[in-house]
Protein backbone atom coordinates (compact mmCIF):
# COMPACT_ATOMS: atom_id res chain seq x y z
CA MET A 1 27.57 -10.32 18.97
CA LYS A 2 27.31 -6.69 20.10
CA THR A 3 25.15 -4.42 17.92
CA ILE A 4 25.87 -0.71 17.61
CA ASN A 5 23.26 1.37 15.81
CA LEU A 6 24.46 4.80 14.72
CA ASN A 7 20.95 5.57 13.44
CA THR A 8 19.38 5.25 16.88
CA GLY A 9 22.41 5.82 19.13
CA SER A 10 22.08 2.36 20.62
CA GLY A 11 25.39 1.19 22.10
CA VAL A 12 27.27 4.40 21.34
CA LYS A 13 27.40 7.97 22.62
CA VAL A 14 27.78 10.57 19.87
CA THR A 15 28.86 14.12 20.71
CA ILE A 16 28.76 16.97 18.21
CA PHE A 17 31.14 19.76 19.15
CA PRO A 18 30.30 23.45 18.43
CA ASP A 19 32.44 23.45 15.28
CA GLY A 20 30.47 20.49 13.88
CA GLN A 21 33.04 17.79 14.67
CA PRO A 22 31.45 14.50 15.75
CA HIS A 23 33.01 12.28 18.41
CA VAL A 24 31.97 8.74 19.38
CA ASN A 25 32.38 6.72 22.55
CA LEU A 26 31.47 3.04 22.73
CA GLN A 27 29.31 2.03 25.68
CA ASP A 28 29.49 -1.75 26.03
CA VAL A 29 32.19 -3.33 23.89
CA GLN A 30 35.08 -5.33 25.31
CA GLU A 31 38.27 -6.78 23.90
CA GLY A 32 37.54 -9.76 21.64
CA ASP A 33 33.85 -8.95 21.15
CA GLU A 34 32.33 -9.46 17.73
CA VAL A 35 30.62 -6.25 16.62
CA LYS A 36 27.79 -5.49 14.20
CA VAL A 37 27.32 -1.86 13.17
CA ILE A 38 24.21 -0.33 11.55
CA CYS A 39 24.76 3.03 9.87
CA SER A 40 22.73 4.83 7.22
CA ILE A 41 25.29 7.04 5.49
CA THR A 42 23.00 9.98 4.82
CA ASP A 43 25.52 12.83 5.05
CA THR A 44 29.19 13.59 5.68
CA SER A 45 28.74 13.83 9.45
CA LYS A 46 27.32 10.32 9.59
CA LEU A 47 30.16 9.06 7.41
CA LEU A 48 32.71 10.59 9.78
CA GLN A 49 30.91 9.03 12.75
CA LEU A 50 31.27 5.63 11.08
CA LEU A 51 34.99 6.16 10.55
CA GLU A 52 35.43 7.22 14.18
CA LEU A 53 33.39 4.25 15.37
CA SER A 54 35.63 1.93 13.37
CA ASP A 55 38.65 3.47 15.07
CA ALA A 56 37.05 3.08 18.51
CA ILE A 57 36.40 -0.62 17.86
CA ASP A 58 40.04 -1.07 16.85
CA ASN A 59 41.18 0.71 20.00
CA LEU A 60 39.23 -1.82 22.07
CA PHE A 61 40.71 -4.75 20.08
CA ALA A 62 37.22 -5.96 19.15
CA ARG A 63 36.33 -7.72 15.93
CA LYS A 64 34.52 -5.79 13.18
CA LYS A 65 32.23 -8.55 11.98
CA ILE A 66 29.32 -6.92 10.12
CA LEU A 67 28.49 -3.48 8.78
CA VAL A 68 24.91 -2.84 7.61
CA ILE A 69 24.43 0.25 5.42
CA PRO A 70 20.68 0.74 4.87
CA TYR A 71 21.31 3.89 2.80
CA LEU A 72 24.54 4.68 0.97
CA MET A 73 25.21 8.32 0.19
CA ALA A 74 26.74 8.98 -3.27
CA ALA A 75 25.52 5.74 -4.86
CA ARG A 76 23.83 7.83 -7.55
CA TYR A 77 27.12 9.36 -8.67
CA ASP A 78 28.88 6.17 -9.75
CA ARG A 79 30.68 7.42 -12.87
CA LEU A 80 31.96 10.48 -14.69
CA MET A 81 28.92 12.37 -15.96
CA GLN A 82 30.40 15.73 -16.89
CA HIS A 83 33.91 17.04 -17.58
CA GLY A 84 35.76 17.72 -14.34
CA ASP A 85 33.58 15.46 -12.17
CA SER A 86 34.54 13.61 -9.03
CA ILE A 87 33.29 10.02 -8.85
CA ASP A 88 31.58 10.41 -5.49
CA LEU A 89 30.73 6.74 -5.00
CA LYS A 90 34.39 5.79 -5.38
CA VAL A 91 35.38 8.32 -2.72
CA VAL A 92 32.77 7.08 -0.23
CA ALA A 93 33.55 3.43 -0.98
CA ASN A 94 37.25 4.00 -0.29
CA LEU A 95 36.39 5.48 3.11
CA VAL A 96 34.07 2.57 3.97
CA ASN A 97 36.82 0.14 2.96
CA MET A 98 39.15 1.81 5.46
CA CYS A 99 36.90 0.46 8.24
CA GLY A 100 37.80 -3.15 7.39
CA PHE A 101 34.55 -4.95 8.17
CA GLU A 102 34.38 -8.65 7.33
CA LYS A 103 30.96 -8.26 5.67
CA VAL A 104 29.18 -5.14 4.42
CA PHE A 105 25.43 -5.39 3.67
CA LEU A 106 23.95 -2.78 1.32
CA PHE A 107 20.15 -2.42 1.19
CA ASP A 108 18.78 -2.09 -2.36
CA VAL A 109 21.72 0.11 -3.28
CA HIS A 110 21.14 2.40 -6.27
CA SER A 111 24.17 1.29 -8.27
CA GLU A 112 25.56 -2.22 -8.62
CA VAL A 113 28.96 -0.55 -8.90
CA SER A 114 28.74 -0.12 -5.11
CA LEU A 115 29.00 -3.90 -4.70
CA LEU A 116 32.22 -3.87 -6.72
CA LEU A 117 33.86 -0.87 -5.05
CA ILE A 118 33.06 -1.77 -1.44
CA LYS A 119 35.04 -4.75 -0.21
CA ASN A 120 33.11 -7.76 1.12
CA ALA A 121 29.83 -6.16 0.01
CA ILE A 122 26.59 -8.15 -0.09
CA GLY A 123 23.38 -6.77 -1.61
CA ILE A 124 20.02 -6.96 0.16
CA THR A 125 17.00 -6.73 -2.15
CA ASN A 126 13.74 -4.81 -1.74
CA GLU A 127 11.76 -8.08 -1.65
CA SER A 128 10.00 -7.30 1.65
CA LEU A 129 8.69 -4.00 0.28
CA VAL A 130 7.40 -5.57 -2.92
CA LYS A 131 5.65 -8.34 -0.97
CA ALA A 132 3.83 -5.70 1.11
CA TYR A 133 1.81 -4.56 -1.91
CA ASP A 134 -1.70 -6.06 -1.76
CA LYS A 135 -3.76 -4.60 -4.61
CA PRO A 136 -4.97 -7.34 -7.01
CA ASP A 137 -4.49 -7.53 -10.78
CA ALA A 138 -1.98 -4.70 -10.73
CA VAL A 139 -0.01 -3.04 -13.51
CA LEU A 140 3.66 -2.49 -12.71
CA ILE A 141 4.99 0.75 -14.19
CA CYS A 142 8.72 0.63 -14.83
CA PRO A 143 10.02 4.23 -14.64
CA ASP A 144 13.38 3.90 -16.39
CA ALA A 145 16.11 1.60 -17.71
CA GLY A 146 17.69 1.14 -14.29
CA ALA A 147 14.47 -0.11 -12.75
CA SER A 148 13.84 -2.47 -15.67
CA LYS A 149 16.73 -4.68 -14.53
CA LYS A 150 14.72 -5.78 -11.48
CA VAL A 151 11.18 -6.22 -12.81
CA GLY A 152 11.49 -9.94 -13.44
CA LYS A 153 11.97 -10.53 -9.72
CA TYR A 154 8.91 -8.47 -8.80
CA PHE A 155 6.55 -10.83 -10.63
CA GLY A 156 8.01 -13.74 -8.68
CA TRP A 157 7.79 -11.96 -5.33
CA ASN A 158 4.21 -10.70 -5.64
CA SER A 159 1.48 -12.51 -7.54
CA ASN A 160 -0.74 -9.40 -7.45
CA ILE A 161 1.40 -7.93 -10.23
CA LYS A 162 0.01 -9.14 -13.57
CA GLU A 163 1.16 -6.71 -16.27
CA ILE A 164 3.98 -4.27 -16.98
CA VAL A 165 4.20 -0.91 -18.69
CA TYR A 166 7.55 0.65 -19.55
CA CYS A 167 8.63 4.28 -19.64
CA SER A 168 11.35 6.06 -21.57
CA LYS A 169 13.14 8.70 -19.49
CA ASN A 170 15.91 11.16 -20.25
CA ARG A 171 17.43 13.83 -18.02
CA ASP A 172 19.62 16.73 -19.15
CA LEU A 173 22.57 16.56 -16.74
CA ALA A 174 23.39 20.23 -17.24
CA THR A 175 19.88 21.58 -16.53
CA GLY A 176 18.21 18.71 -14.68
CA LYS A 177 15.23 18.88 -17.07
CA LEU A 178 13.34 15.61 -17.33
CA THR A 179 11.56 14.21 -20.39
CA LEU A 180 9.44 11.08 -19.90
CA GLU A 181 7.17 9.03 -22.12
CA ILE A 182 4.91 6.15 -21.07
CA LEU A 183 4.92 3.62 -23.88
CA GLU A 184 1.42 2.20 -23.29
CA PRO A 185 -0.45 4.58 -20.95
CA GLU A 186 -3.84 3.17 -21.90
CA GLN A 187 -2.91 -0.12 -20.18
CA CYS A 188 -3.10 1.72 -16.84
CA THR A 189 -6.61 3.12 -17.19
CA ASN A 190 -8.97 2.13 -14.35
CA LYS A 191 -6.48 -0.42 -12.99
CA ASN A 192 -4.45 -0.78 -9.83
CA CYS A 193 -1.01 0.58 -10.67
CA VAL A 194 2.27 0.43 -8.81
CA ILE A 195 5.63 2.06 -9.42
CA ILE A 196 8.65 0.40 -7.79
CA ASP A 197 12.03 2.10 -7.56
CA ASP A 198 14.93 2.42 -5.15
CA ILE A 199 14.93 6.17 -4.36
CA CYS A 200 12.39 8.97 -4.21
CA ASP A 201 14.13 12.33 -3.93
CA GLY A 202 11.79 15.10 -5.05
CA GLY A 203 9.46 12.67 -6.83
CA GLY A 204 9.61 14.36 -10.23
CA THR A 205 9.82 11.12 -12.21
CA PHE A 206 6.88 9.53 -10.41
CA LEU A 207 4.70 12.63 -10.72
CA ALA A 208 5.50 12.83 -14.44
CA ILE A 209 4.16 9.29 -14.78
CA ALA A 210 1.11 9.82 -12.60
CA GLU A 211 0.06 12.93 -14.54
CA LYS A 212 -0.12 10.92 -17.78
CA ILE A 213 -2.36 8.04 -16.66
CA GLN A 214 -5.80 7.49 -15.12
CA PRO A 215 -5.54 4.51 -12.76
CA ALA A 216 -8.13 3.24 -10.30
CA HIS A 217 -5.49 3.21 -7.53
CA MET A 218 -1.87 4.33 -7.51
CA THR A 219 0.90 3.07 -5.21
CA LEU A 220 4.54 4.09 -5.03
CA ILE A 221 7.07 1.68 -3.51
CA VAL A 222 10.52 3.11 -2.82
CA THR A 223 13.25 1.72 -0.64
CA HIS A 224 14.85 5.05 0.25
CA GLY A 225 12.45 7.91 0.90
CA ILE A 226 14.15 11.30 0.80
CA PHE A 227 10.99 13.19 -0.22
CA SER A 228 12.86 16.48 -0.44
CA LYS A 229 9.79 18.34 -1.76
CA GLY A 230 7.30 16.97 0.74
CA PHE A 231 4.04 15.16 0.06
CA ASP A 232 1.51 17.80 -1.00
CA THR A 233 1.77 17.05 -4.71
CA LEU A 234 2.41 13.32 -4.31
CA GLN A 235 -0.82 12.97 -2.31
CA LYS A 236 -2.82 14.34 -5.25
CA TYR A 237 -1.88 11.35 -7.39
CA PHE A 238 -0.89 8.50 -5.04
CA GLN A 239 -3.16 6.74 -2.57
CA GLN A 240 -0.32 4.79 -0.95
CA ILE A 241 3.44 5.05 -0.54
CA ILE A 242 5.39 2.08 0.87
CA VAL A 243 8.91 2.90 2.07
CA SER A 244 11.58 1.40 4.29
CA ASP A 245 13.16 3.09 7.31
CA SER A 246 16.60 3.13 5.65
CA LEU A 247 17.01 6.88 6.19
CA TYR A 248 15.65 6.70 9.74
CA LYS A 249 13.16 9.51 9.14
CA THR A 250 9.55 10.15 10.08
CA TYR A 251 7.14 11.07 7.30
CA ASP A 252 4.27 13.48 7.82
CA SER A 253 1.77 12.00 5.42
CA PRO A 254 -1.27 9.74 5.95
CA ILE A 255 -0.56 7.78 2.77
CA VAL A 256 2.93 6.65 3.84
CA LYS A 257 3.47 3.14 5.22
CA VAL A 258 6.94 2.58 6.70
CA LEU A 259 8.35 -0.94 6.94
CA ASN A 260 10.81 -1.07 9.82
CA HIS A 261 14.00 -3.04 9.33
CA TYR A 262 16.77 -1.29 11.22
CA GLN A 263 15.34 0.71 14.14
């Protein structure tokens, strides 16, 4: 099977014209080849590259066997939230479906709706990230209702996790203002604590938690590390951040440990 990695440029030449238009050219695919494509859909340019790559494979009469999407743009906008909204995940899913891959693997995708909207989709869990945590007798802090759906698996994947503390979180969609309450903050005092979630954008939720507790050690495990506000504030509260390479980024922080899956 031939592997084409749009994250690294392996097996494909990508040209960006002055007006921003991407163009792809396949390097080593022949008629009848089975093809695996890896593409983190991080922005509209990368999405268009994937669509063009799909077309190039068709033009060579090769077989589109597997598509791996480590990061799926728009997974957070999976429903109507305000009057007049677009459902962004539906739009992106329809475009991915146009490619016609036999199997589509999604890595710890934010919304389970993605697995319904994208044809032939298969979910990959964050098990490898959870297993990488090595602090004993730890308290798992569940940041919101979405994360609570997965906590049962975490205890089975990592025996270092012994207890759980839940949070109640609400966000005003119009203003973006966050309100968060830790239900039993005293359970975290002088203990190893770990927060596990799928995405860290600016880190506001995790900082709101960290400011309310007094742990012995604090770890953040996130599958998709956007870190749009950098690490200066995060480093004041967290001693370790474990993240995958799903966005194919480098992180300028001594506390970040990247687990490589797709490079």
